Amino acid sequence: MTMNDTQIEVGKYLVSPTAKSQGEGRFAASVSIRSGRGSGTHDRVLRFTGIFDSAAAAVHYATEHALGWIHERSAPVCA
């Protein structure tokens, strides 16, 4: 069973975190980070190795890592 009920727009990105049941009340986390439109759409998917006690914890972890990834790419480059 996969849970994905949260999508967040961050600038040009659409962040879609997911929690997937691993049985016995444990969950794995992943997140899709999409940018672009039409044939120029790019979708990066990150899957994490940690196992979480709740779907909410897995979704939170995935969201925080996606926001960090976006922040790294949005920060100005110092010369």
PDB file of N, CA and C in Angstrom:
ATOM      1  N   MET A   1       0.843  -1.174   0.000  1.00  0.00           N
ATOM      2  CA  MET A   1       0.000   0.000   0.000  1.00  0.00           C
ATOM      3  C   MET A   1       0.891   1.241   0.000  1.00  0.00           C
ATOM      4  N   THR A   2       0.617   2.155  -0.896  1.00  0.00           N
ATOM      5  CA  THR A   2       1.379   3.382  -1.010  1.00  0.00           C
ATOM      6  C   THR A   2       0.501   4.561  -0.640  1.00  0.00           C
ATOM      7  N   MET A   3       1.056   5.490   0.147  1.00  0.00           N
ATOM      8  CA  MET A   3       0.309   6.669   0.561  1.00  0.00           C
ATOM      9  C   MET A   3       0.964   7.907  -0.017  1.00  0.00           C
ATOM     10  N   ASN A   4       0.200   8.656  -0.791  1.00  0.00           N
ATOM     11  CA  ASN A   4       0.707   9.894  -1.382  1.00  0.00           C
ATOM     12  C   ASN A   4      -0.462  10.861  -1.474  1.00  0.00           C
ATOM     13  N   ASP A   5      -0.653  11.672  -0.446  1.00  0.00           N
ATOM     14  CA  ASP A   5      -1.767  12.611  -0.481  1.00  0.00           C
ATOM     15  C   ASP A   5      -1.296  14.055  -0.383  1.00  0.00           C
ATOM     16  N   THR A   6       0.021  14.257  -0.486  1.00  0.00           N
ATOM     17  CA  THR A   6       0.567  15.592  -0.335  1.00  0.00           C
ATOM     18  C   THR A   6       1.432  15.935  -1.538  1.00  0.00           C
ATOM     19  N   GLN A   7       1.116  17.024  -2.190  1.00  0.00           N
ATOM     20  CA  GLN A   7       1.981  17.580  -3.227  1.00  0.00           C
ATOM     21  C   GLN A   7       2.223  19.025  -2.869  1.00  0.00           C
ATOM     22  N   ILE A   8       3.460  19.460  -3.014  1.00  0.00           N
ATOM     23  CA  ILE A   8       3.832  20.819  -2.635  1.00  0.00           C
ATOM     24  C   ILE A   8       4.504  21.481  -3.831  1.00  0.00           C
ATOM     25  N   GLU A   9       4.037  22.668  -4.205  1.00  0.00           N
ATOM     26  CA  GLU A   9       4.714  23.448  -5.239  1.00  0.00           C
ATOM     27  C   GLU A   9       5.755  24.322  -4.578  1.00  0.00           C
ATOM     28  N   VAL A  10       6.987  24.226  -5.072  1.00  0.00           N
ATOM     29  CA  VAL A  10       8.087  25.044  -4.570  1.00  0.00           C
ATOM     30  C   VAL A  10       8.751  25.663  -5.795  1.00  0.00           C
ATOM     31  N   GLY A  11       8.422  26.917  -6.080  1.00  0.00           N
ATOM     32  CA  GLY A  11       8.951  27.552  -7.283  1.00  0.00           C
ATOM     33  C   GLY A  11       8.547  26.769  -8.514  1.00  0.00           C
ATOM     34  N   LYS A  12       9.539  26.350  -9.301  1.00  0.00           N
ATOM     35  CA  LYS A  12       9.259  25.606 -10.531  1.00  0.00           C
ATOM     36  C   LYS A  12       9.118  24.098 -10.297  1.00  0.00           C
ATOM     37  N   TYR A  13       9.213  23.650  -9.044  1.00  0.00           N
ATOM     38  CA  TYR A  13       9.186  22.226  -8.718  1.00  0.00           C
ATOM     39  C   TYR A  13       7.858  21.795  -8.110  1.00  0.00           C
ATOM     40  N   LEU A  14       7.478  20.546  -8.388  1.00  0.00           N
ATOM     41  CA  LEU A  14       6.348  19.910  -7.733  1.00  0.00           C
ATOM     42  C   LEU A  14       6.905  18.732  -6.938  1.00  0.00           C
ATOM     43  N   VAL A  15       6.763  18.792  -5.620  1.00  0.00           N
ATOM     44  CA  VAL A  15       7.303  17.776  -4.710  1.00  0.00           C
ATOM     45  C   VAL A  15       6.168  16.841  -4.297  1.00  0.00           C
ATOM     46  N   SER A  16       6.363  15.536  -4.516  1.00  0.00           N
ATOM     47  CA  SER A  16       5.352  14.526  -4.177  1.00  0.00           C
ATOM     48  C   SER A  16       5.990  13.436  -3.318  1.00  0.00           C
ATOM     49  N   PRO A  17       5.931  13.584  -1.988  1.00  0.00           N
ATOM     50  CA  PRO A  17       6.484  12.555  -1.105  1.00  0.00           C
ATOM     51  C   PRO A  17       5.542  11.354  -0.999  1.00  0.00           C
ATOM     52  N   THR A  18       6.119  10.186  -0.772  1.00  0.00           N
ATOM     53  CA  THR A  18       5.337   8.953  -0.706  1.00  0.00           C
ATOM     54  C   THR A  18       5.833   8.070   0.434  1.00  0.00           C
ATOM     55  N   ALA A  19       4.893   7.427   1.109  1.00  0.00           N
ATOM     56  CA  ALA A  19       5.222   6.413   2.114  1.00  0.00           C
ATOM     57  C   ALA A  19       4.661   5.085   1.634  1.00  0.00           C
ATOM     58  N   LYS A  20       5.493   4.061   1.621  1.00  0.00           N
ATOM     59  CA  LYS A  20       5.051   2.743   1.176  1.00  0.00           C
ATOM     60  C   LYS A  20       5.150   1.762   2.342  1.00  0.00           C
ATOM     61  N   SER A  21       4.052   1.070   2.606  1.00  0.00           N
ATOM     62  CA  SER A  21       4.004   0.109   3.704  1.00  0.00           C
ATOM     63  C   SER A  21       4.989  -1.031   3.459  1.00  0.00           C
ATOM     64  N   GLN A  22       5.740  -1.356   4.505  1.00  0.00           N
ATOM     65  CA  GLN A  22       6.699  -2.463   4.453  1.00  0.00           C
ATOM     66  C   GLN A  22       6.224  -3.631   5.313  1.00  0.00           C
ATOM     67  N   GLY A  23       4.982  -3.546   5.801  1.00  0.00           N
ATOM     68  CA  GLY A  23       4.433  -4.585   6.668  1.00  0.00           C
ATOM     69  C   GLY A  23       4.728  -4.293   8.132  1.00  0.00           C
ATOM     70  N   GLU A  24       3.937  -4.848   8.990  1.00  0.00           N
ATOM     71  CA  GLU A  24       4.094  -4.728  10.437  1.00  0.00           C
ATOM     72  C   GLU A  24       4.180  -3.272  10.907  1.00  0.00           C
ATOM     73  N   GLY A  25       3.447  -2.376  10.250  1.00  0.00           N
ATOM     74  CA  GLY A  25       3.395  -0.982  10.679  1.00  0.00           C
ATOM     75  C   GLY A  25       4.629  -0.168  10.373  1.00  0.00           C
ATOM     76  N   ARG A  26       5.439  -0.599   9.442  1.00  0.00           N
ATOM     77  CA  ARG A  26       6.673   0.104   9.066  1.00  0.00           C
ATOM     78  C   ARG A  26       6.522   0.662   7.654  1.00  0.00           C
ATOM     79  N   PHE A  27       7.238   1.763   7.370  1.00  0.00           N
ATOM     80  CA  PHE A  27       7.077   2.456   6.094  1.00  0.00           C
ATOM     81  C   PHE A  27       8.422   2.880   5.518  1.00  0.00           C
ATOM     82  N   ALA A  28       8.506   2.822   4.189  1.00  0.00           N
ATOM     83  CA  ALA A  28       9.664   3.332   3.454  1.00  0.00           C
ATOM     84  C   ALA A  28       9.265   4.673   2.841  1.00  0.00           C
ATOM     85  N   ALA A  29      10.267   5.540   2.634  1.00  0.00           N
ATOM     86  CA  ALA A  29      10.005   6.874   2.100  1.00  0.00           C
ATOM     87  C   ALA A  29      10.626   7.045   0.721  1.00  0.00           C
ATOM     88  N   SER A  30       9.937   7.801  -0.129  1.00  0.00           N
ATOM     89  CA  SER A  30      10.485   8.230  -1.411  1.00  0.00           C
ATOM     90  C   SER A  30       9.822   9.554  -1.779  1.00  0.00           C
ATOM     91  N   VAL A  31      10.399  10.221  -2.766  1.00  0.00           N
ATOM     92  CA  VAL A  31       9.836  11.503  -3.184  1.00  0.00           C
ATOM     93  C   VAL A  31      10.126  11.731  -4.659  1.00  0.00           C
ATOM     94  N   SER A  32       9.165  12.302  -5.340  1.00  0.00           N
ATOM     95  CA  SER A  32       9.322  12.725  -6.726  1.00  0.00           C
ATOM     96  C   SER A  32       9.466  14.242  -6.733  1.00  0.00           C
ATOM     97  N   ILE A  33      10.457  14.736  -7.475  1.00  0.00           N
ATOM     98  CA  ILE A  33      10.655  16.172  -7.637  1.00  0.00           C
ATOM     99  C   ILE A  33      10.559  16.450  -9.134  1.00  0.00           C
ATOM    100  N   ARG A  34       9.472  17.069  -9.536  1.00  0.00           N
ATOM    101  CA  ARG A  34       9.185  17.275 -10.956  1.00  0.00           C
ATOM    102  C   ARG A  34       9.366  18.739 -11.326  1.00  0.00           C
ATOM    103  N   SER A  35       9.916  18.956 -12.515  1.00  0.00           N
ATOM    104  CA  SER A  35      10.023  20.310 -13.048  1.00  0.00           C
ATOM    105  C   SER A  35       9.758  20.268 -14.545  1.00  0.00           C
ATOM    106  N   GLY A  36       9.399  21.412 -15.088  1.00  0.00           N
ATOM    107  CA  GLY A  36       9.145  21.503 -16.525  1.00  0.00           C
ATOM    108  C   GLY A  36       7.710  21.183 -16.877  1.00  0.00           C
ATOM    109  N   ARG A  37       7.443  21.272 -18.169  1.00  0.00           N
ATOM    110  CA  ARG A  37       6.087  20.999 -18.682  1.00  0.00           C
ATOM    111  C   ARG A  37       6.179  20.274 -20.020  1.00  0.00           C
ATOM    112  N   GLY A  38       5.155  19.504 -20.310  1.00  0.00           N
ATOM    113  CA  GLY A  38       5.069  18.833 -21.606  1.00  0.00           C
ATOM    114  C   GLY A  38       6.251  17.922 -21.857  1.00  0.00           C
ATOM    115  N   SER A  39       6.830  18.012 -23.063  1.00  0.00           N
ATOM    116  CA  SER A  39       7.955  17.141 -23.409  1.00  0.00           C
ATOM    117  C   SER A  39       9.233  17.543 -22.685  1.00  0.00           C
ATOM    118  N   GLY A  40       9.220  18.700 -22.007  1.00  0.00           N
ATOM    119  CA  GLY A  40      10.382  19.158 -21.256  1.00  0.00           C
ATOM    120  C   GLY A  40      10.315  18.821 -19.778  1.00  0.00           C
ATOM    121  N   THR A  41       9.407  17.920 -19.397  1.00  0.00           N
ATOM    122  CA  THR A  41       9.257  17.548 -17.992  1.00  0.00           C
ATOM    123  C   THR A  41      10.425  16.666 -17.550  1.00  0.00           C
ATOM    124  N   HIS A  42      10.935  16.976 -16.376  1.00  0.00           N
ATOM    125  CA  HIS A  42      12.001  16.174 -15.774  1.00  0.00           C
ATOM    126  C   HIS A  42      11.514  15.743 -14.391  1.00  0.00           C
ATOM    127  N   ASP A  43      11.634  14.465 -14.087  1.00  0.00           N
ATOM    128  CA  ASP A  43      11.164  13.931 -12.815  1.00  0.00           C
ATOM    129  C   ASP A  43      12.308  13.189 -12.140  1.00  0.00           C
ATOM    130  N   ARG A  44      12.746  13.698 -10.996  1.00  0.00           N
ATOM    131  CA  ARG A  44      13.796  13.036 -10.216  1.00  0.00           C
ATOM    132  C   ARG A  44      13.109  12.312  -9.069  1.00  0.00           C
ATOM    133  N   VAL A  45      13.426  11.035  -8.884  1.00  0.00           N
ATOM    134  CA  VAL A  45      12.834  10.251  -7.800  1.00  0.00           C
ATOM    135  C   VAL A  45      13.947   9.836  -6.850  1.00  0.00           C
ATOM    136  N   LEU A  46      13.749  10.151  -5.573  1.00  0.00           N
ATOM    137  CA  LEU A  46      14.699   9.766  -4.536  1.00  0.00           C
ATOM    138  C   LEU A  46      14.044   8.709  -3.658  1.00  0.00           C
ATOM    139  N   ARG A  47      14.729   7.584  -3.459  1.00  0.00           N
ATOM    140  CA  ARG A  47      14.253   6.528  -2.566  1.00  0.00           C
ATOM    141  C   ARG A  47      15.228   6.437  -1.403  1.00  0.00           C
ATOM    142  N   PHE A  48      14.716   6.380  -0.201  1.00  0.00           N
ATOM    143  CA  PHE A  48      15.542   6.412   0.992  1.00  0.00           C
ATOM    144  C   PHE A  48      15.610   5.030   1.644  1.00  0.00           C
ATOM    145  N   THR A  49      16.716   4.744   2.300  1.00  0.00           N
ATOM    146  CA  THR A  49      16.925   3.414   2.875  1.00  0.00           C
ATOM    147  C   THR A  49      16.335   3.254   4.263  1.00  0.00           C
ATOM    148  N   GLY A  50      16.053   4.347   4.948  1.00  0.00           N
ATOM    149  CA  GLY A  50      15.506   4.258   6.303  1.00  0.00           C
ATOM    150  C   GLY A  50      14.106   3.669   6.331  1.00  0.00           C
ATOM    151  N   ILE A  51      13.751   3.066   7.455  1.00  0.00           N
ATOM    152  CA  ILE A  51      12.401   2.543   7.676  1.00  0.00           C
ATOM    153  C   ILE A  51      11.795   3.333   8.838  1.00  0.00           C
ATOM    154  N   PHE A  52      10.536   3.705   8.697  1.00  0.00           N
ATOM    155  CA  PHE A  52       9.876   4.598   9.646  1.00  0.00           C
ATOM    156  C   PHE A  52       8.700   3.905  10.327  1.00  0.00           C
ATOM    157  N   ASP A  53       8.382   4.375  11.535  1.00  0.00           N
ATOM    158  CA  ASP A  53       7.292   3.792  12.324  1.00  0.00           C
ATOM    159  C   ASP A  53       5.919   4.269  11.888  1.00  0.00           C
ATOM    160  N   SER A  54       5.862   5.332  11.089  1.00  0.00           N
ATOM    161  CA  SER A  54       4.562   5.824  10.618  1.00  0.00           C
ATOM    162  C   SER A  54       4.707   6.387   9.212  1.00  0.00           C
ATOM    163  N   ALA A  55       3.582   6.407   8.506  1.00  0.00           N
ATOM    164  CA  ALA A  55       3.568   6.995   7.162  1.00  0.00           C
ATOM    165  C   ALA A  55       3.884   8.479   7.245  1.00  0.00           C
ATOM    166  N   ALA A  56       3.368   9.143   8.270  1.00  0.00           N
ATOM    167  CA  ALA A  56       3.611  10.579   8.424  1.00  0.00           C
ATOM    168  C   ALA A  56       5.104  10.869   8.592  1.00  0.00           C
ATOM    169  N   ALA A  57       5.803  10.055   9.360  1.00  0.00           N
ATOM    170  CA  ALA A  57       7.238  10.249   9.554  1.00  0.00           C
ATOM    171  C   ALA A  57       7.997  10.039   8.246  1.00  0.00           C
ATOM    172  N   ALA A  58       7.602   9.042   7.466  1.00  0.00           N
ATOM    173  CA  ALA A  58       8.251   8.782   6.179  1.00  0.00           C
ATOM    174  C   ALA A  58       8.024   9.941   5.214  1.00  0.00           C
ATOM    175  N   VAL A  59       6.795  10.446   5.154  1.00  0.00           N
ATOM    176  CA  VAL A  59       6.472  11.568   4.266  1.00  0.00           C
ATOM    177  C   VAL A  59       7.231  12.816   4.708  1.00  0.00           C
ATOM    178  N   HIS A  60       7.308  13.057   6.003  1.00  0.00           N
ATOM    179  CA  HIS A  60       8.040  14.220   6.516  1.00  0.00           C
ATOM    180  C   HIS A  60       9.516  14.146   6.122  1.00  0.00           C
ATOM    181  N   TYR A  61      10.121  12.988   6.312  1.00  0.00           N
ATOM    182  CA  TYR A  61      11.527  12.792   5.962  1.00  0.00           C
ATOM    183  C   TYR A  61      11.761  13.054   4.479  1.00  0.00           C
ATOM    184  N   ALA A  62      10.918  12.478   3.632  1.00  0.00           N
ATOM    185  CA  ALA A  62      11.057  12.654   2.185  1.00  0.00           C
ATOM    186  C   ALA A  62      10.879  14.121   1.785  1.00  0.00           C
ATOM    187  N   THR A  63       9.913  14.788   2.392  1.00  0.00           N
ATOM    188  CA  THR A  63       9.663  16.196   2.083  1.00  0.00           C
ATOM    189  C   THR A  63      10.855  17.058   2.466  1.00  0.00           C
ATOM    190  N   GLU A  64      11.394  16.843   3.655  1.00  0.00           N
ATOM    191  CA  GLU A  64      12.539  17.638   4.114  1.00  0.00           C
ATOM    192  C   GLU A  64      13.746  17.453   3.196  1.00  0.00           C
ATOM    193  N   HIS A  65      13.996  16.230   2.752  1.00  0.00           N
ATOM    194  CA  HIS A  65      15.124  15.984   1.854  1.00  0.00           C
ATOM    195  C   HIS A  65      14.899  16.607   0.478  1.00  0.00           C
ATOM    196  N   ALA A  66      13.677  16.581  -0.007  1.00  0.00           N
ATOM    197  CA  ALA A  66      13.369  17.223  -1.286  1.00  0.00           C
ATOM    198  C   ALA A  66      13.568  18.731  -1.190  1.00  0.00           C
ATOM    199  N   LEU A  67      13.094  19.337  -0.117  1.00  0.00           N
ATOM    200  CA  LEU A  67      13.256  20.780   0.058  1.00  0.00           C
ATOM    201  C   LEU A  67      14.736  21.153   0.155  1.00  0.00           C
ATOM    202  N   GLY A  68      15.532  20.323   0.801  1.00  0.00           N
ATOM    203  CA  GLY A  68      16.975  20.550   0.865  1.00  0.00           C
ATOM    204  C   GLY A  68      17.615  20.461  -0.503  1.00  0.00           C
ATOM    205  N   TRP A  69      17.197  19.473  -1.292  1.00  0.00           N
ATOM    206  CA  TRP A  69      17.724  19.294  -2.648  1.00  0.00           C
ATOM    207  C   TRP A  69      17.403  20.533  -3.498  1.00  0.00           C
ATOM    208  N   ILE A  70      16.171  21.025  -3.392  1.00  0.00           N
ATOM    209  CA  ILE A  70      15.758  22.211  -4.148  1.00  0.00           C
ATOM    210  C   ILE A  70      16.552  23.426  -3.679  1.00  0.00           C
ATOM    211  N   HIS A  71      16.709  23.572  -2.378  1.00  0.00           N
ATOM    212  CA  HIS A  71      17.436  24.721  -1.833  1.00  0.00           C
ATOM    213  C   HIS A  71      18.876  24.742  -2.347  1.00  0.00           C
ATOM    214  N   GLU A  72      19.529  23.587  -2.404  1.00  0.00           N
ATOM    215  CA  GLU A  72      20.910  23.506  -2.906  1.00  0.00           C
ATOM    216  C   GLU A  72      21.014  24.014  -4.338  1.00  0.00           C
ATOM    217  N   ARG A  73      20.011  23.725  -5.139  1.00  0.00           N
ATOM    218  CA  ARG A  73      20.043  24.121  -6.538  1.00  0.00           C
ATOM    219  C   ARG A  73      19.593  25.565  -6.764  1.00  0.00           C
ATOM    220  N   SER A  74      18.901  26.112  -5.790  1.00  0.00           N
ATOM    221  CA  SER A  74      18.378  27.477  -5.914  1.00  0.00           C
ATOM    222  C   SER A  74      19.312  28.519  -5.316  1.00  0.00           C
ATOM    223  N   ALA A  75      20.261  28.078  -4.503  1.00  0.00           N
ATOM    224  CA  ALA A  75      21.184  29.016  -3.855  1.00  0.00           C
ATOM    225  C   ALA A  75      22.098  29.637  -4.897  1.00  0.00           C
ATOM    226  N   PRO A  76      22.370  30.930  -4.778  1.00  0.00           N
ATOM    227  CA  PRO A  76      23.279  31.571  -5.726  1.00  0.00           C
ATOM    228  C   PRO A  76      24.684  31.011  -5.597  1.00  0.00           C
ATOM    229  N   VAL A  77      25.363  30.907  -6.717  1.00  0.00           N
ATOM    230  CA  VAL A  77      26.739  30.390  -6.747  1.00  0.00           C
ATOM    231  C   VAL A  77      27.676  31.557  -6.501  1.00  0.00           C
ATOM    232  N   CYS A  78      28.566  31.393  -5.545  1.00  0.00           N
ATOM    233  CA  CYS A  78      29.549  32.443  -5.244  1.00  0.00           C
ATOM    234  C   CYS A  78      30.780  32.254  -6.129  1.00  0.00           C
ATOM    235  N   ALA A  79      31.254  33.321  -6.711  1.00  0.00           N
ATOM    236  CA  ALA A  79      32.412  33.243  -7.601  1.00  0.00           C
ATOM    237  C   ALA A  79      33.718  33.385  -6.836  1.00  0.00           C
TER     238      ALA A  79
END
